[in-house]
PDB file of N, CA and C in Angstrom:
ATOM      1  N   MET A   1      22.578 114.306  45.625  1.00  0.00           N
ATOM      2  CA  MET A   1      23.823 113.881  45.041  1.00  0.00           C
ATOM      3  C   MET A   1      24.191 112.530  45.641  1.00  0.00           C
ATOM      4  N   GLN A   2      24.672 111.649  44.771  1.00  0.00           N
ATOM      5  CA  GLN A   2      25.095 110.333  45.209  1.00  0.00           C
ATOM      6  C   GLN A   2      26.394 110.000  44.482  1.00  0.00           C
ATOM      7  N   ALA A   3      27.414 109.666  45.257  1.00  0.00           N
ATOM      8  CA  ALA A   3      28.698 109.286  44.678  1.00  0.00           C
ATOM      9  C   ALA A   3      28.939 107.809  44.948  1.00  0.00           C
ATOM     10  N   GLU A   4      29.408 107.106  43.937  1.00  0.00           N
ATOM     11  CA  GLU A   4      29.653 105.676  44.049  1.00  0.00           C
ATOM     12  C   GLU A   4      31.087 105.387  43.638  1.00  0.00           C
ATOM     13  N   TYR A   5      31.804 104.701  44.522  1.00  0.00           N
ATOM     14  CA  TYR A   5      33.197 104.368  44.247  1.00  0.00           C
ATOM     15  C   TYR A   5      33.428 102.914  44.604  1.00  0.00           C
ATOM     16  N   TRP A   6      34.034 102.170  43.702  1.00  0.00           N
ATOM     17  CA  TRP A   6      34.389 100.783  43.946  1.00  0.00           C
ATOM     18  C   TRP A   6      35.892 100.707  44.107  1.00  0.00           C
ATOM     19  N   VAL A   7      36.334 100.008  45.139  1.00  0.00           N
ATOM     20  CA  VAL A   7      37.772  99.876  45.404  1.00  0.00           C
ATOM     21  C   VAL A   7      38.443  99.205  44.208  1.00  0.00           C
ATOM     22  N   GLY A   8      39.520  99.802  43.738  1.00  0.00           N
ATOM     23  CA  GLY A   8      40.249  99.263  42.599  1.00  0.00           C
ATOM     24  C   GLY A   8      39.916  99.958  41.288  1.00  0.00           C
ATOM     25  N   ASN A   9      38.770 100.633  41.227  1.00  0.00           N
ATOM     26  CA  ASN A   9      38.420 101.363  40.013  1.00  0.00           C
ATOM     27  C   ASN A   9      39.098 102.723  40.025  1.00  0.00           C
ATOM     28  N   GLY A  10      39.348 103.228  38.871  1.00  0.00           N
ATOM     29  CA  GLY A  10      39.993 104.527  38.761  1.00  0.00           C
ATOM     30  C   GLY A  10      39.012 105.664  38.541  1.00  0.00           C
ATOM     31  N   PHE A  11      37.755 105.444  38.831  1.00  0.00           N
ATOM     32  CA  PHE A  11      36.769 106.504  38.596  1.00  0.00           C
ATOM     33  C   PHE A  11      35.681 106.459  39.668  1.00  0.00           C
ATOM     34  N   VAL A  12      34.955 107.569  39.743  1.00  0.00           N
ATOM     35  CA  VAL A  12      33.829 107.700  40.670  1.00  0.00           C
ATOM     36  C   VAL A  12      32.604 108.073  39.848  1.00  0.00           C
ATOM     37  N   THR A  13      31.482 107.425  40.134  1.00  0.00           N
ATOM     38  CA  THR A  13      30.230 107.747  39.464  1.00  0.00           C
ATOM     39  C   THR A  13      29.423 108.673  40.366  1.00  0.00           C
ATOM     40  N   VAL A  14      29.025 109.821  39.831  1.00  0.00           N
ATOM     41  CA  VAL A  14      28.243 110.785  40.596  1.00  0.00           C
ATOM     42  C   VAL A  14      26.882 110.935  39.916  1.00  0.00           C
ATOM     43  N   LYS A  15      25.831 110.782  40.715  1.00  0.00           N
ATOM     44  CA  LYS A  15      24.472 110.921  40.193  1.00  0.00           C
ATOM     45  C   LYS A  15      23.790 112.088  40.899  1.00  0.00           C
ATOM     46  N   HIS A  16      23.172 112.926  40.107  1.00  0.00           N
ATOM     47  CA  HIS A  16      22.421 114.070  40.636  1.00  0.00           C
ATOM     48  C   HIS A  16      20.970 113.896  40.216  1.00  0.00           C
ATOM     49  N   THR A  17      20.086 113.792  41.206  1.00  0.00           N
ATOM     50  CA  THR A  17      18.667 113.614  40.902  1.00  0.00           C
ATOM     51  C   THR A  17      17.872 114.734  41.551  1.00  0.00           C
ATOM     52  N   ARG A  18      16.789 115.080  40.915  1.00  0.00           N
ATOM     53  CA  ARG A  18      15.868 116.062  41.470  1.00  0.00           C
ATOM     54  C   ARG A  18      14.569 115.350  41.798  1.00  0.00           C
ATOM     55  N   ASN A  19      14.089 115.567  43.008  1.00  0.00           N
ATOM     56  CA  ASN A  19      12.840 114.953  43.432  1.00  0.00           C
ATOM     57  C   ASN A  19      11.659 115.819  43.032  1.00  0.00           C
ATOM     58  N   SER A  20      10.565 115.157  42.718  1.00  0.00           N
ATOM     59  CA  SER A  20       9.326 115.880  42.478  1.00  0.00           C
ATOM     60  C   SER A  20       8.751 116.304  43.828  1.00  0.00           C
ATOM     61  N   PHE A  21       7.690 117.063  43.791  1.00  0.00           N
ATOM     62  CA  PHE A  21       7.046 117.528  45.020  1.00  0.00           C
ATOM     63  C   PHE A  21       6.579 116.351  45.860  1.00  0.00           C
ATOM     64  N   PHE A  22       5.974 115.344  45.210  1.00  0.00           N
ATOM     65  CA  PHE A  22       5.461 114.184  45.937  1.00  0.00           C
ATOM     66  C   PHE A  22       6.594 113.325  46.492  1.00  0.00           C
ATOM     67  N   ALA A  23       7.703 113.234  45.780  1.00  0.00           N
ATOM     68  CA  ALA A  23       8.848 112.481  46.288  1.00  0.00           C
ATOM     69  C   ALA A  23       9.433 113.179  47.520  1.00  0.00           C
ATOM     70  N   THR A  24       9.456 114.496  47.505  1.00  0.00           N
ATOM     71  CA  THR A  24       9.932 115.244  48.667  1.00  0.00           C
ATOM     72  C   THR A  24       9.021 115.013  49.861  1.00  0.00           C
ATOM     73  N   LEU A  25       7.710 115.052  49.647  1.00  0.00           N
ATOM     74  CA  LEU A  25       6.768 114.776  50.736  1.00  0.00           C
ATOM     75  C   LEU A  25       6.937 113.350  51.254  1.00  0.00           C
ATOM     76  N   SER A  26       7.164 112.413  50.343  1.00  0.00           N
ATOM     77  CA  SER A  26       7.363 111.020  50.747  1.00  0.00           C
ATOM     78  C   SER A  26       8.627 110.867  51.588  1.00  0.00           C
ATOM     79  N   ASN A  27       9.688 111.530  51.195  1.00  0.00           N
ATOM     80  CA  ASN A  27      10.937 111.478  51.974  1.00  0.00           C
ATOM     81  C   ASN A  27      10.757 112.113  53.348  1.00  0.00           C
ATOM     82  N   LEU A  28      10.002 113.208  53.413  1.00  0.00           N
ATOM     83  CA  LEU A  28       9.727 113.810  54.715  1.00  0.00           C
ATOM     84  C   LEU A  28       8.898 112.865  55.572  1.00  0.00           C
ATOM     85  N   HIS A  29       7.945 112.180  54.947  1.00  0.00           N
ATOM     86  CA  HIS A  29       7.095 111.241  55.669  1.00  0.00           C
ATOM     87  C   HIS A  29       7.909 110.066  56.218  1.00  0.00           C
ATOM     88  N   LYS A  30       8.854 109.595  55.434  1.00  0.00           N
ATOM     89  CA  LYS A  30       9.680 108.464  55.849  1.00  0.00           C
ATOM     90  C   LYS A  30      10.773 108.874  56.831  1.00  0.00           C
ATOM     91  N   GLY A  31      11.086 110.149  56.895  1.00  0.00           N
ATOM     92  CA  GLY A  31      12.150 110.607  57.779  1.00  0.00           C
ATOM     93  C   GLY A  31      13.536 110.407  57.191  1.00  0.00           C
ATOM     94  N   VAL A  32      13.640 110.452  55.868  1.00  0.00           N
ATOM     95  CA  VAL A  32      14.929 110.259  55.206  1.00  0.00           C
ATOM     96  C   VAL A  32      15.866 111.409  55.563  1.00  0.00           C
ATOM     97  N   GLY A  33      17.040 111.080  56.056  1.00  0.00           N
ATOM     98  CA  GLY A  33      18.034 112.086  56.382  1.00  0.00           C
ATOM     99  C   GLY A  33      17.860 112.726  57.747  1.00  0.00           C
ATOM    100  N   LEU A  34      16.917 112.245  58.539  1.00  0.00           N
ATOM    101  CA  LEU A  34      16.693 112.805  59.868  1.00  0.00           C
ATOM    102  C   LEU A  34      17.332 111.915  60.918  1.00  0.00           C
ATOM    103  N   SER A  35      17.691 112.514  62.037  1.00  0.00           N
ATOM    104  CA  SER A  35      18.260 111.739  63.131  1.00  0.00           C
ATOM    105  C   SER A  35      17.157 110.989  63.870  1.00  0.00           C
ATOM    106  N   VAL A  36      17.557 110.066  64.732  1.00  0.00           N
ATOM    107  CA  VAL A  36      16.597 109.249  65.479  1.00  0.00           C
ATOM    108  C   VAL A  36      15.717 110.133  66.362  1.00  0.00           C
ATOM    109  N   GLY A  37      16.288 111.169  66.940  1.00  0.00           N
ATOM    110  CA  GLY A  37      15.521 112.070  67.803  1.00  0.00           C
ATOM    111  C   GLY A  37      14.371 112.738  67.088  1.00  0.00           C
ATOM    112  N   TRP A  38      14.629 113.219  65.865  1.00  0.00           N
ATOM    113  CA  TRP A  38      13.569 113.871  65.095  1.00  0.00           C
ATOM    114  C   TRP A  38      12.493 112.874  64.688  1.00  0.00           C
ATOM    115  N   VAL A  39      12.891 111.670  64.302  1.00  0.00           N
ATOM    116  CA  VAL A  39      11.915 110.647  63.908  1.00  0.00           C
ATOM    117  C   VAL A  39      11.024 110.299  65.099  1.00  0.00           C
ATOM    118  N   LEU A  40      11.621 110.143  66.285  1.00  0.00           N
ATOM    119  CA  LEU A  40      10.827 109.845  67.475  1.00  0.00           C
ATOM    120  C   LEU A  40       9.883 110.996  67.816  1.00  0.00           C
ATOM    121  N   LEU A  41      10.353 112.240  67.659  1.00  0.00           N
ATOM    122  CA  LEU A  41       9.503 113.397  67.921  1.00  0.00           C
ATOM    123  C   LEU A  41       8.315 113.422  66.957  1.00  0.00           C
ATOM    124  N   ILE A  42       8.565 113.193  65.681  1.00  0.00           N
ATOM    125  CA  ILE A  42       7.496 113.203  64.681  1.00  0.00           C
ATOM    126  C   ILE A  42       6.505 112.078  64.953  1.00  0.00           C
ATOM    127  N   ASP A  43       7.016 110.877  65.294  1.00  0.00           N
ATOM    128  CA  ASP A  43       6.129 109.759  65.601  1.00  0.00           C
ATOM    129  C   ASP A  43       5.300 110.030  66.847  1.00  0.00           C
ATOM    130  N   THR A  44       5.884 110.678  67.840  1.00  0.00           N
ATOM    131  CA  THR A  44       5.147 111.023  69.057  1.00  0.00           C
ATOM    132  C   THR A  44       4.030 112.015  68.757  1.00  0.00           C
ATOM    133  N   ILE A  45       4.319 113.012  67.938  1.00  0.00           N
ATOM    134  CA  ILE A  45       3.296 113.991  67.560  1.00  0.00           C
ATOM    135  C   ILE A  45       2.181 113.313  66.774  1.00  0.00           C
ATOM    136  N   ALA A  46       2.536 112.414  65.852  1.00  0.00           N
ATOM    137  CA  ALA A  46       1.521 111.708  65.065  1.00  0.00           C
ATOM    138  C   ALA A  46       0.646 110.843  65.966  1.00  0.00           C
ATOM    139  N   GLY A  47       1.258 110.131  66.900  1.00  0.00           N
ATOM    140  CA  GLY A  47       0.488 109.313  67.834  1.00  0.00           C
ATOM    141  C   GLY A  47      -0.428 110.149  68.696  1.00  0.00           C
ATOM    142  N   SER A  48       0.048 111.321  69.115  1.00  0.00           N
ATOM    143  CA  SER A  48      -0.776 112.219  69.922  1.00  0.00           C
ATOM    144  C   SER A  48      -1.970 112.730  69.138  1.00  0.00           C
ATOM    145  N   LEU A  49      -1.772 113.059  67.866  1.00  0.00           N
ATOM    146  CA  LEU A  49      -2.886 113.522  67.030  1.00  0.00           C
ATOM    147  C   LEU A  49      -3.931 112.427  66.843  1.00  0.00           C
ATOM    148  N   ILE A  50      -3.476 111.196  66.661  1.00  0.00           N
ATOM    149  CA  ILE A  50      -4.418 110.085  66.526  1.00  0.00           C
ATOM    150  C   ILE A  50      -5.200 109.893  67.814  1.00  0.00           C
ATOM    151  N   LEU A  51      -4.507 109.923  68.958  1.00  0.00           N
ATOM    152  CA  LEU A  51      -5.172 109.763  70.249  1.00  0.00           C
ATOM    153  C   LEU A  51      -6.173 110.890  70.502  1.00  0.00           C
ATOM    154  N   LEU A  52      -5.786 112.125  70.200  1.00  0.00           N
ATOM    155  CA  LEU A  52      -6.696 113.250  70.373  1.00  0.00           C
ATOM    156  C   LEU A  52      -7.919 113.125  69.468  1.00  0.00           C
ATOM    157  N   SER A  53      -7.722 112.646  68.252  1.00  0.00           N
ATOM    158  CA  SER A  53      -8.851 112.460  67.336  1.00  0.00           C
ATOM    159  C   SER A  53      -9.816 111.414  67.864  1.00  0.00           C
ATOM    160  N   LEU A  54      -9.284 110.296  68.320  1.00  0.00           N
ATOM    161  CA  LEU A  54     -10.148 109.228  68.833  1.00  0.00           C
ATOM    162  C   LEU A  54     -10.900 109.657  70.083  1.00  0.00           C
ATOM    163  N   THR A  55     -10.227 110.324  71.016  1.00  0.00           N
ATOM    164  CA  THR A  55     -10.918 110.762  72.228  1.00  0.00           C
ATOM    165  C   THR A  55     -11.930 111.860  71.910  1.00  0.00           C
ATOM    166  N   GLY A  56     -11.634 112.693  70.915  1.00  0.00           N
ATOM    167  CA  GLY A  56     -12.602 113.713  70.503  1.00  0.00           C
ATOM    168  C   GLY A  56     -13.860 113.099  69.935  1.00  0.00           C
ATOM    169  N   VAL A  57     -13.701 112.042  69.135  1.00  0.00           N
ATOM    170  CA  VAL A  57     -14.872 111.354  68.583  1.00  0.00           C
ATOM    171  C   VAL A  57     -15.666 110.698  69.705  1.00  0.00           C
ATOM    172  N   LEU A  58     -14.966 110.088  70.661  1.00  0.00           N
ATOM    173  CA  LEU A  58     -15.672 109.466  71.787  1.00  0.00           C
ATOM    174  C   LEU A  58     -16.460 110.498  72.590  1.00  0.00           C
ATOM    175  N   LEU A  59     -15.864 111.633  72.854  1.00  0.00           N
ATOM    176  CA  LEU A  59     -16.579 112.688  73.580  1.00  0.00           C
ATOM    177  C   LEU A  59     -17.762 113.216  72.770  1.00  0.00           C
ATOM    178  N   TRP A  60     -17.585 113.345  71.466  1.00  0.00           N
ATOM    179  CA  TRP A  60     -18.641 113.861  70.593  1.00  0.00           C
ATOM    180  C   TRP A  60     -19.834 112.917  70.570  1.00  0.00           C
ATOM    181  N   THR A  61     -19.564 111.591  70.541  1.00  0.00           N
ATOM    182  CA  THR A  61     -20.670 110.634  70.510  1.00  0.00           C
ATOM    183  C   THR A  61     -21.370 110.533  71.860  1.00  0.00           C
ATOM    184  N   GLU A  62     -20.689 110.820  72.943  1.00  0.00           N
ATOM    185  CA  GLU A  62     -21.329 110.768  74.261  1.00  0.00           C
ATOM    186  C   GLU A  62     -22.341 111.902  74.438  1.00  0.00           C
ATOM    187  N   LEU A  63     -22.156 112.988  73.721  1.00  0.00           N
ATOM    188  CA  LEU A  63     -23.081 114.101  73.851  1.00  0.00           C
ATOM    189  C   LEU A  63     -24.428 113.790  73.221  1.00  0.00           C
ATOM    190  N   ASN A  64     -24.456 112.983  72.181  1.00  0.00           N
ATOM    191  CA  ASN A  64     -25.705 112.664  71.490  1.00  0.00           C
ATOM    192  C   ASN A  64     -25.581 111.252  70.917  1.00  0.00           C
ATOM    193  N   LYS A  65     -26.409 110.353  71.364  1.00  0.00           N
ATOM    194  CA  LYS A  65     -26.316 108.947  70.958  1.00  0.00           C
ATOM    195  C   LYS A  65     -26.632 108.735  69.478  1.00  0.00           C
ATOM    196  N   ARG A  66     -27.386 109.638  68.856  1.00  0.00           N
ATOM    197  CA  ARG A  66     -27.698 109.482  67.430  1.00  0.00           C
ATOM    198  C   ARG A  66     -26.453 109.644  66.568  1.00  0.00           C
ATOM    199  N   ARG A  67     -25.461 110.301  67.089  1.00  0.00           N
ATOM    200  CA  ARG A  67     -24.231 110.518  66.326  1.00  0.00           C
ATOM    201  C   ARG A  67     -23.410 109.241  66.191  1.00  0.00           C
ATOM    202  N   VAL A  68     -23.721 108.242  67.004  1.00  0.00           N
ATOM    203  CA  VAL A  68     -23.003 106.976  66.913  1.00  0.00           C
ATOM    204  C   VAL A  68     -23.179 106.372  65.523  1.00  0.00           C
ATOM    205  N   VAL A  69     -24.358 106.513  64.950  1.00  0.00           N
ATOM    206  CA  VAL A  69     -24.609 106.002  63.596  1.00  0.00           C
ATOM    207  C   VAL A  69     -23.681 106.704  62.607  1.00  0.00           C
ATOM    208  N   GLY A  70     -23.508 107.989  62.735  1.00  0.00           N
ATOM    209  CA  GLY A  70     -22.601 108.737  61.862  1.00  0.00           C
ATOM    210  C   GLY A  70     -21.164 108.283  62.019  1.00  0.00           C
ATOM    211  N   VAL A  71     -20.757 108.043  63.252  1.00  0.00           N
ATOM    212  CA  VAL A  71     -19.385 107.586  63.497  1.00  0.00           C
ATOM    213  C   VAL A  71     -19.164 106.209  62.888  1.00  0.00           C
ATOM    214  N   VAL A  72     -20.153 105.329  63.008  1.00  0.00           N
ATOM    215  CA  VAL A  72     -20.031 103.991  62.423  1.00  0.00           C
ATOM    216  C   VAL A  72     -19.918 104.084  60.905  1.00  0.00           C
ATOM    217  N   LEU A  73     -20.707 104.938  60.287  1.00  0.00           N
ATOM    218  CA  LEU A  73     -20.643 105.100  58.831  1.00  0.00           C
ATOM    219  C   LEU A  73     -19.301 105.669  58.385  1.00  0.00           C
ATOM    220  N   VAL A  74     -18.819 106.680  59.082  1.00  0.00           N
ATOM    221  CA  VAL A  74     -17.525 107.270  58.730  1.00  0.00           C
ATOM    222  C   VAL A  74     -16.404 106.262  58.943  1.00  0.00           C
ATOM    223  N   SER A  75     -16.446 105.540  60.051  1.00  0.00           N
ATOM    224  CA  SER A  75     -15.414 104.534  60.327  1.00  0.00           C
ATOM    225  C   SER A  75     -15.417 103.447  59.262  1.00  0.00           C
ATOM    226  N   GLY A  76     -16.610 102.996  58.881  1.00  0.00           N
ATOM    227  CA  GLY A  76     -16.701 101.991  57.818  1.00  0.00           C
ATOM    228  C   GLY A  76     -16.144 102.499  56.505  1.00  0.00           C
ATOM    229  N   SER A  77     -16.386 103.753  56.201  1.00  0.00           N
ATOM    230  CA  SER A  77     -15.854 104.343  54.966  1.00  0.00           C
ATOM    231  C   SER A  77     -14.335 104.423  54.996  1.00  0.00           C
ATOM    232  N   VAL A  78     -13.798 104.824  56.134  1.00  0.00           N
ATOM    233  CA  VAL A  78     -12.345 104.928  56.261  1.00  0.00           C
ATOM    234  C   VAL A  78     -11.708 103.552  56.143  1.00  0.00           C
ATOM    235  N   ILE A  79     -12.293 102.559  56.803  1.00  0.00           N
ATOM    236  CA  ILE A  79     -11.745 101.195  56.718  1.00  0.00           C
ATOM    237  C   ILE A  79     -11.831 100.684  55.297  1.00  0.00           C
ATOM    238  N   ALA A  80     -12.929 100.923  54.608  1.00  0.00           N
ATOM    239  CA  ALA A  80     -13.061 100.501  53.213  1.00  0.00           C
ATOM    240  C   ALA A  80     -12.025 101.188  52.328  1.00  0.00           C
ATOM    241  N   ALA A  81     -11.781 102.469  52.561  1.00  0.00           N
ATOM    242  CA  ALA A  81     -10.785 103.198  51.769  1.00  0.00           C
ATOM    243  C   ALA A  81      -9.390 102.646  52.007  1.00  0.00           C
ATOM    244  N   VAL A  82      -9.077 102.321  53.254  1.00  0.00           N
ATOM    245  CA  VAL A  82      -7.756 101.772  53.568  1.00  0.00           C
ATOM    246  C   VAL A  82      -7.589 100.402  52.921  1.00  0.00           C
ATOM    247  N   VAL A  83      -8.615  99.570  53.010  1.00  0.00           N
ATOM    248  CA  VAL A  83      -8.549  98.239  52.408  1.00  0.00           C
ATOM    249  C   VAL A  83      -8.381  98.344  50.889  1.00  0.00           C
ATOM    250  N   CYS A  84      -9.137  99.238  50.268  1.00  0.00           N
ATOM    251  CA  CYS A  84      -9.008  99.435  48.816  1.00  0.00           C
ATOM    252  C   CYS A  84      -7.639 100.015  48.451  1.00  0.00           C
ATOM    253  N   GLY A  85      -7.113 100.851  49.316  1.00  0.00           N
ATOM    254  CA  GLY A  85      -5.803 101.444  49.047  1.00  0.00           C
ATOM    255  C   GLY A  85      -4.671 100.441  49.156  1.00  0.00           C
ATOM    256  N   LEU A  86      -4.846  99.435  50.004  1.00  0.00           N
ATOM    257  CA  LEU A  86      -3.805  98.430  50.176  1.00  0.00           C
ATOM    258  C   LEU A  86      -3.821  97.376  49.081  1.00  0.00           C
ATOM    259  N   MET A  87      -4.918  97.292  48.359  1.00  0.00           N
ATOM    260  CA  MET A  87      -5.010  96.273  47.301  1.00  0.00           C
ATOM    261  C   MET A  87      -4.406  96.742  46.045  1.00  0.00           C
TER     262      MET A  87
END
């Protein structure tokens, strides 16, 4: 719900919108309507997951050097996907 009022006008405009599933996920991703504490908590958890993923890959490649080729291929694919997604 969104209400809009301009000083001096004798009326208020009220808009009611329904979000789709993807819009709801996008709002959750952006932290719309959340306090600063919750946004910081979510960002901290996301950063921790990224750090854990990177250290896990590093540990995995140390166990077998042939896996480095696989990591390079996967990393190149992810970078290519991100670049294509940004264009």
